N, C-alpha and C. Protein backbone atom coordinates (compact mmCIF):
# COMPACT_ATOMS: atom_id res chain seq x y z
N MET A 1 -2.32 -7.74 -18.36
CA MET A 1 -2.71 -6.53 -17.49
C MET A 1 -3.81 -7.16 -16.27
N ALA A 2 -4.63 -8.02 -16.00
CA ALA A 2 -5.18 -8.78 -15.02
C ALA A 2 -4.37 -9.41 -14.39
N HIS A 3 -2.78 -9.92 -15.00
CA HIS A 3 -1.94 -10.48 -13.73
C HIS A 3 -1.17 -9.95 -13.23
N GLY A 4 -0.95 -7.95 -13.75
CA GLY A 4 -0.28 -7.16 -12.67
C GLY A 4 -1.73 -6.58 -11.28
N PHE A 5 -2.50 -6.31 -11.84
CA PHE A 5 -3.69 -6.29 -10.89
C PHE A 5 -3.44 -7.27 -10.11
N ILE A 6 -3.75 -8.58 -10.14
CA ILE A 6 -3.92 -9.01 -8.93
C ILE A 6 -2.45 -9.72 -8.94
N TRP A 7 -1.59 -9.16 -8.94
CA TRP A 7 -0.21 -9.23 -8.29
C TRP A 7 -0.08 -8.05 -7.65
N TRP A 8 -0.75 -7.08 -7.84
CA TRP A 8 -0.77 -6.02 -6.35
C TRP A 8 -1.32 -6.01 -5.57
N ILE A 9 -2.42 -6.98 -5.83
CA ILE A 9 -3.29 -7.20 -4.36
C ILE A 9 -2.69 -7.86 -4.52
N VAL A 10 -2.07 -9.02 -4.48
CA VAL A 10 -1.52 -10.41 -3.80
C VAL A 10 -0.22 -9.03 -2.82
N VAL A 11 0.97 -8.05 -3.77
CA VAL A 11 1.55 -7.66 -2.56
C VAL A 11 1.17 -6.76 -1.70
N GLY A 12 0.18 -6.02 -2.11
CA GLY A 12 -0.76 -5.39 -1.47
C GLY A 12 -1.65 -5.26 -0.03
N LEU A 13 -1.80 -7.10 0.30
CA LEU A 13 -1.79 -7.86 0.92
C LEU A 13 -1.21 -7.35 2.69
N VAL A 14 0.52 -8.03 1.53
CA VAL A 14 1.40 -8.38 2.51
C VAL A 14 1.78 -6.89 3.18
N ALA A 15 2.17 -5.90 2.06
CA ALA A 15 2.09 -3.90 2.62
C ALA A 15 0.45 -3.92 3.35
N GLY A 16 0.19 -3.98 3.64
CA GLY A 16 -0.82 -3.37 5.09
C GLY A 16 -0.67 -3.99 5.58
N TRP A 17 -0.26 -5.41 5.39
CA TRP A 17 0.00 -5.61 7.17
C TRP A 17 1.16 -5.62 7.27
N ALA A 18 1.63 -5.13 6.95
CA ALA A 18 3.45 -3.80 7.39
C ALA A 18 3.25 -2.77 7.84
N ALA A 19 2.52 -1.79 6.35
CA ALA A 19 2.00 -0.45 6.86
C ALA A 19 1.61 -0.37 7.81
N GLY A 20 0.41 -1.38 8.26
CA GLY A 20 -0.61 -0.84 9.54
C GLY A 20 1.15 -1.47 11.05
N LYS A 21 1.76 -1.90 11.09
CA LYS A 21 3.11 -2.50 11.58
C LYS A 21 3.98 -0.71 11.98
N ILE A 22 3.91 -0.42 10.51
CA ILE A 22 5.17 0.49 10.76
C ILE A 22 4.16 1.88 11.15
N MET A 23 3.32 1.83 11.11
CA MET A 23 2.49 3.39 11.81
C MET A 23 1.49 2.68 12.64
N LYS A 24 1.94 3.08 13.64
CA LYS A 24 1.73 2.40 14.77
C LYS A 24 0.88 4.28 15.78
N GLY A 25 0.06 3.12 16.33
CA GLY A 25 -1.24 4.41 16.85
C GLY A 25 -2.50 4.10 16.86
N GLY A 26 -3.15 5.29 16.98
CA GLY A 26 -4.63 5.03 16.68
C GLY A 26 -5.57 4.42 15.25
N GLY A 27 -4.16 3.00 15.42
CA GLY A 27 -4.52 2.60 13.08
C GLY A 27 -5.57 1.84 13.42
N TYR A 28 -6.78 1.49 12.20
CA TYR A 28 -7.94 0.75 11.48
C TYR A 28 -8.27 -0.18 12.51
N GLY A 29 -6.96 -1.22 12.41
CA GLY A 29 -7.29 -2.31 12.08
C GLY A 29 -6.63 -3.14 10.87
N VAL A 30 -6.56 -4.19 11.33
CA VAL A 30 -6.28 -5.25 10.28
C VAL A 30 -6.84 -5.62 9.26
N ILE A 31 -8.54 -5.13 9.58
CA ILE A 31 -9.01 -5.68 8.03
C ILE A 31 -8.14 -4.19 6.92
N ALA A 32 -8.38 -3.59 7.43
CA ALA A 32 -8.10 -1.65 7.00
C ALA A 32 -7.37 -1.93 6.64
N ASP A 33 -6.39 -2.13 7.55
CA ASP A 33 -4.79 -1.54 7.03
C ASP A 33 -4.89 -2.50 5.73
N ILE A 34 -4.66 -3.81 5.10
CA ILE A 34 -4.50 -4.83 4.84
C ILE A 34 -5.45 -4.17 3.38
N LEU A 35 -6.94 -3.69 3.40
CA LEU A 35 -7.34 -2.84 2.63
C LEU A 35 -7.00 -1.74 2.14
N LEU A 36 -6.59 -1.18 2.97
CA LEU A 36 -5.16 0.04 2.19
C LEU A 36 -3.78 -0.12 1.71
N GLY A 37 -3.34 -1.22 2.65
CA GLY A 37 -2.47 -2.17 2.10
C GLY A 37 -2.55 -2.73 0.18
N ILE A 38 -4.32 -2.88 -0.05
CA ILE A 38 -4.34 -3.52 -1.45
C ILE A 38 -4.52 -2.38 -2.49
N VAL A 39 -5.07 -0.64 -2.39
CA VAL A 39 -4.89 -0.01 -2.08
C VAL A 39 -3.30 0.89 -2.88
N GLY A 40 -3.11 0.78 -1.81
CA GLY A 40 -1.93 1.97 -2.08
C GLY A 40 -0.71 0.36 -2.25
N GLY A 41 -1.19 -0.45 -2.65
CA GLY A 41 0.32 -1.49 -3.83
C GLY A 41 -0.43 -1.64 -5.59
N ILE A 42 -2.23 -1.55 -5.81
CA ILE A 42 -2.20 -0.80 -7.13
C ILE A 42 -2.56 0.71 -7.54
N VAL A 43 -2.46 1.76 -6.71
CA VAL A 43 -1.86 2.91 -6.27
C VAL A 43 -0.40 3.35 -6.96
N GLY A 44 0.03 2.48 -5.79
CA GLY A 44 1.81 2.61 -5.80
C GLY A 44 2.46 1.40 -6.82
N GLY A 45 1.71 0.37 -7.57
CA GLY A 45 2.54 0.11 -8.69
C GLY A 45 2.24 1.03 -10.06
N TRP A 46 0.76 1.80 -10.25
CA TRP A 46 0.36 2.50 -11.20
C TRP A 46 1.08 3.42 -11.36
N VAL A 47 1.33 4.34 -10.18
CA VAL A 47 2.72 4.95 -9.65
C VAL A 47 4.39 4.97 -11.18
N VAL A 48 4.33 3.92 -9.63
CA VAL A 48 6.03 3.40 -9.95
C VAL A 48 6.08 3.14 -11.82
N GLY A 49 4.69 2.48 -12.17
CA GLY A 49 5.21 2.12 -13.22
C GLY A 49 5.15 2.93 -14.61
N LEU A 50 4.31 3.97 -14.71
CA LEU A 50 3.66 5.39 -15.17
C LEU A 50 5.58 5.95 -14.87
N LEU A 51 6.09 6.06 -14.04
CA LEU A 51 7.23 6.98 -13.59
C LEU A 51 8.64 6.02 -14.37
N GLY A 52 8.01 4.63 -14.87
CA GLY A 52 9.62 4.39 -15.46
C GLY A 52 10.24 3.60 -14.56
N ILE A 53 10.44 3.31 -12.93
CA ILE A 53 11.60 3.61 -12.25
C ILE A 53 10.86 2.09 -11.54
N GLY A 54 10.08 1.36 -12.21
CA GLY A 54 10.28 0.00 -11.36
C GLY A 54 11.22 -0.62 -12.14
N ARG A 55 11.39 -1.89 -10.99
CA ARG A 55 12.08 -2.68 -10.71
C ARG A 55 12.17 -4.58 -11.62
N GLY A 56 10.81 -4.17 -11.14
CA GLY A 56 9.73 -5.81 -11.16
C GLY A 56 10.69 -6.65 -9.70
N GLY A 57 10.18 -8.00 -9.56
CA GLY A 57 10.90 -8.46 -8.59
C GLY A 57 9.38 -8.58 -7.46
N LEU A 58 9.22 -9.17 -6.09
CA LEU A 58 8.82 -9.18 -5.22
C LEU A 58 9.17 -8.14 -4.54
N ILE A 59 10.59 -7.96 -4.24
CA ILE A 59 11.41 -7.52 -2.74
C ILE A 59 10.52 -6.39 -3.25
N SER A 60 11.35 -5.65 -5.45
CA SER A 60 10.73 -4.08 -4.89
C SER A 60 8.92 -3.84 -5.48
N GLY A 61 8.66 -4.86 -5.88
CA GLY A 61 6.60 -4.52 -5.14
C GLY A 61 6.06 -4.20 -3.67
N ILE A 62 6.86 -5.41 -3.00
CA ILE A 62 6.36 -5.19 -1.57
C ILE A 62 6.72 -3.68 -1.05
N LEU A 63 7.89 -2.92 -1.70
CA LEU A 63 8.49 -1.35 -0.79
C LEU A 63 7.46 -0.63 -1.22
N VAL A 64 7.46 -1.05 -2.79
CA VAL A 64 6.65 0.16 -3.38
C VAL A 64 5.05 -0.18 -2.45
N ALA A 65 4.67 -1.43 -2.70
CA ALA A 65 3.26 -1.14 -1.91
C ALA A 65 2.64 -0.74 -0.40
N ILE A 66 3.62 -0.79 0.38
CA ILE A 66 4.10 -0.32 1.95
C ILE A 66 4.46 0.83 1.43
N LEU A 67 4.93 1.50 0.37
CA LEU A 67 4.84 3.13 0.46
C LEU A 67 3.85 3.45 0.22
N GLY A 68 3.18 3.48 -0.79
CA GLY A 68 1.94 3.25 -0.84
C GLY A 68 0.63 3.47 0.36
N ALA A 69 0.48 2.11 1.01
CA ALA A 69 -0.73 1.75 1.75
C ALA A 69 0.70 2.62 2.86
N VAL A 70 2.01 2.85 2.99
CA VAL A 70 1.99 3.86 4.40
C VAL A 70 1.24 5.47 4.56
N ILE A 71 1.36 5.68 2.97
CA ILE A 71 1.56 7.47 2.76
C ILE A 71 -0.61 7.38 3.36
N LEU A 72 -1.47 6.42 1.99
CA LEU A 72 -2.70 6.26 2.17
C LEU A 72 -2.78 5.87 3.51
N ILE A 73 -3.24 5.47 4.63
CA ILE A 73 -3.22 5.58 5.53
C ILE A 73 -2.32 6.03 6.97
N TRP A 74 -1.20 7.53 6.08
CA TRP A 74 -1.20 8.98 6.79
C TRP A 74 -2.32 10.01 6.26
N ILE A 75 -3.02 9.79 5.39
CA ILE A 75 -3.37 10.43 4.61
C ILE A 75 -4.55 10.41 5.21
N THR A 76 -5.11 8.63 5.31
CA THR A 76 -6.70 8.52 6.02
C THR A 76 -6.73 9.14 7.33
N ARG A 77 -5.36 9.32 8.26
CA ARG A 77 -5.49 9.12 9.41
C ARG A 77 -5.70 11.07 8.95
N LEU A 78 -5.25 11.57 8.39
CA LEU A 78 -5.24 13.07 8.45
C LEU A 78 -6.56 13.50 8.00
N ILE A 79 -7.09 12.97 7.97
CA ILE A 79 -8.43 13.53 7.23
C ILE A 79 -9.27 12.71 8.39
N LYS A 80 -8.60 11.27 9.48
CA LYS A 80 -9.85 11.59 10.32
C LYS A 80 -9.98 12.63 11.36
N LYS A 81 -8.76 13.05 11.78
CA LYS A 81 -8.03 14.06 12.67
C LYS A 81 -8.84 15.73 11.97
N GLU A 82 -9.13 15.71 10.10
CA GLU A 82 -9.79 16.92 10.68
C GLU A 82 -11.85 17.18 10.82
N ALA A 83 -11.96 15.31 10.45
CA ALA A 83 -13.11 15.51 11.21
C ALA A 83 -14.27 15.10 11.90
């Protein structure tokens, strides 16, 4: 389990950077995007694991983490607009 957790953190670093590039606009900066990528990677990996649709491997892991990070960035921007 610890190995999988560390894997999603590393993949999340890459995903956070990519999500920051995808979600252009009034971003949070590189560090915050990377942190969101880590959380997105962990959450995305957990959700995909629960759904049983994860194929494993580096590319699919990065894609899942990017998707999770993009969704988290989008949600945080919605919350930021409301506040």
